[in-house]
Amino acid sequence: METGELHSKASGAEWALPRLPAALRPTVERALASYRGTGEPIELDEEERQRLLDHIDRQLSSDLAPSKDRANSVTTSPQTDCP
């Protein structure tokens, strides 16, 4: 969403790593190593999984929330019937 480009799982993880809080990086590093290696599932306890999901949810929510600048720049046009 941030760059507007589509990427692979690996390049997405590489992009995300330096942007993640330090405590969440090992989870993504392990997942990336597995993805690039044997593809075996990684061991992830529920608390670790939930911390990562909560962080992602917060980031997406803040990125999708209308900002004052975006809200002021949005214009609407009347709807017309399309043939």
Protein backbone atom coordinates (compact mmCIF):
# COMPACT_ATOMS: atom_id res chain seq x y z
CA MET A 1 0.00 0.00 0.00
CA GLU A 2 2.77 2.41 0.83
CA THR A 3 4.57 2.13 -2.51
CA GLY A 4 1.56 1.31 -4.69
CA GLU A 5 3.49 -1.60 -6.22
CA LEU A 6 2.91 -5.34 -6.10
CA HIS A 7 5.69 -7.45 -4.65
CA SER A 8 6.43 -11.04 -3.77
CA LYS A 9 6.14 -12.33 -0.22
CA ALA A 10 9.92 -12.27 0.10
CA SER A 11 10.34 -8.69 -1.13
CA GLY A 12 7.40 -7.59 1.03
CA ALA A 13 9.03 -9.13 4.10
CA GLU A 14 12.38 -7.51 3.22
CA TRP A 15 10.65 -4.14 2.86
CA ALA A 16 8.79 -4.56 6.16
CA LEU A 17 11.73 -5.72 8.31
CA PRO A 18 13.40 -2.35 8.92
CA ARG A 19 9.99 -0.75 9.48
CA LEU A 20 8.91 -3.22 12.17
CA PRO A 21 9.50 -2.72 15.86
CA ALA A 22 12.65 -4.60 16.88
CA ALA A 23 10.65 -7.06 18.99
CA LEU A 24 8.67 -8.23 15.93
CA ARG A 25 11.56 -8.61 13.50
CA PRO A 26 12.69 -12.10 14.59
CA THR A 27 9.25 -13.51 13.73
CA VAL A 28 9.38 -12.14 10.20
CA GLU A 29 13.05 -13.07 9.80
CA ARG A 30 12.24 -16.70 10.69
CA ALA A 31 9.30 -16.75 8.30
CA LEU A 32 11.42 -15.28 5.51
CA ALA A 33 14.21 -17.80 6.11
CA SER A 34 11.68 -20.63 5.95
CA TYR A 35 10.08 -19.21 2.80
CA ARG A 36 13.47 -19.01 1.09
CA GLY A 37 14.60 -22.39 2.39
CA THR A 38 12.59 -25.55 2.85
CA GLY A 39 9.23 -23.85 3.25
CA GLU A 40 8.62 -25.71 6.49
CA PRO A 41 6.19 -23.99 8.87
CA ILE A 42 7.83 -22.01 11.64
CA GLU A 43 6.98 -22.48 15.29
CA LEU A 44 4.97 -19.51 16.47
CA ASP A 45 3.24 -19.25 19.81
CA GLU A 46 -0.14 -17.55 19.98
CA GLU A 47 1.17 -14.49 21.81
CA GLU A 48 3.90 -13.90 19.21
CA ARG A 49 1.44 -14.35 16.35
CA GLN A 50 -1.07 -12.00 17.97
CA ARG A 51 1.54 -9.26 18.57
CA LEU A 52 2.45 -9.29 14.88
CA LEU A 53 -1.19 -9.32 13.75
CA ASP A 54 -2.06 -6.47 16.14
CA HIS A 55 0.83 -4.39 14.78
CA ILE A 56 -0.23 -5.04 11.18
CA ASP A 57 -3.84 -4.18 12.03
CA ARG A 58 -2.80 -0.89 13.67
CA GLN A 59 -0.62 0.05 10.69
CA LEU A 60 -3.34 -0.72 8.16
CA SER A 61 -5.95 1.12 10.19
CA SER A 62 -3.80 4.23 10.42
CA ASP A 63 -2.87 4.05 6.72
CA LEU A 64 -6.51 3.70 5.67
CA ALA A 65 -7.94 6.29 8.06
CA PRO A 66 -8.81 9.50 6.27
CA SER A 67 -6.36 12.22 7.11
CA LYS A 68 -7.41 15.84 7.35
CA ASP A 69 -5.52 16.63 4.14
CA ARG A 70 -7.07 13.74 2.22
CA ALA A 71 -10.55 14.50 3.52
CA ASN A 72 -10.27 18.13 2.43
CA SER A 73 -8.99 17.24 -1.04
CA VAL A 74 -11.71 14.73 -1.87
CA THR A 75 -14.26 16.02 -4.28
CA THR A 76 -17.45 14.37 -5.29
CA SER A 77 -19.26 14.55 -8.55
CA PRO A 78 -22.87 13.79 -9.14
CA GLN A 79 -23.60 10.25 -10.16
CA THR A 80 -24.79 9.74 -13.67
CA ASP A 81 -26.41 6.74 -15.20
CA CYS A 82 -24.02 4.79 -17.34
CA PRO A 83 -25.40 3.04 -20.42
